């Protein structure tokens, strides 16, 4: 079996645990940096925006850089001469789909606005173009809000959302970390059998179900739902946190690049 060619990892909680030092992820950086020299393509697949991710990557203690990035859980970018740029027409299609979704979901968003106004601690995020998502005061409040959203979802079945702790981002059901990874794989000409995906939180679930990547992993700090998904897909649950656990999983992969 051919070795891994494409590695897709979440960022926060999967590579870096901000309760620890950046240096705690050194085993991950060392391994992936060595594999990049041997042809591995590394994509960070994150809920962060480009500026938010770049802020972290500029840390001088961050020794290697990704080859591609997937931001806000759906936008696919490649490194340009001076900046990250759209890769293919996926991002245009994604943007247009979300414009249509935003218009179609107007009635649902009005109900959601009323819900937010009745619940202190909830914040509705929006831009000129979109209702973006919600931030809650704590996990329990987000659990309640997500339960409420599930009662509204039958009104618009292609309205979905991605959650990470107290943060929730609305999305079209066809656009998420998993579908974006499949698109990146297609553009690169790399199949599922040569793809490895790793994550730790709810918004990582779409890329950890075995459809986008043959080998899946999570660190020990992953939420229970992620551990269940990884186990179900025949993946690897690390015994260490964040990058330490993912380095462990990479070394355990039957299709690893030989060191």
Foldseek 3Di string as FASTA:
>chain_A
DAFAAEEEEEDDFAQDPVVDDNCVLVLLQVQVVVVVVVRHAYEHQYLADQVVVVVVCPPPVNDDDGQWYHYNFFFTWGDDPVGTDGDPCRVVVFLVVQLVVQVLCVVVVVVVVVVQVVDPQKDFDDDPRHRFWIFGNFQVVVVVSVVVVVVVCVSPVQWDWFDDTRIITIGGNCGGNQNNLQVVCVSVVHQQANYEYEYAERSRLNNQQCPNHLEYEYEQNHDPVSVVNNVVSVYYYAPHIHSVRVSVRLVVDPRHDDD
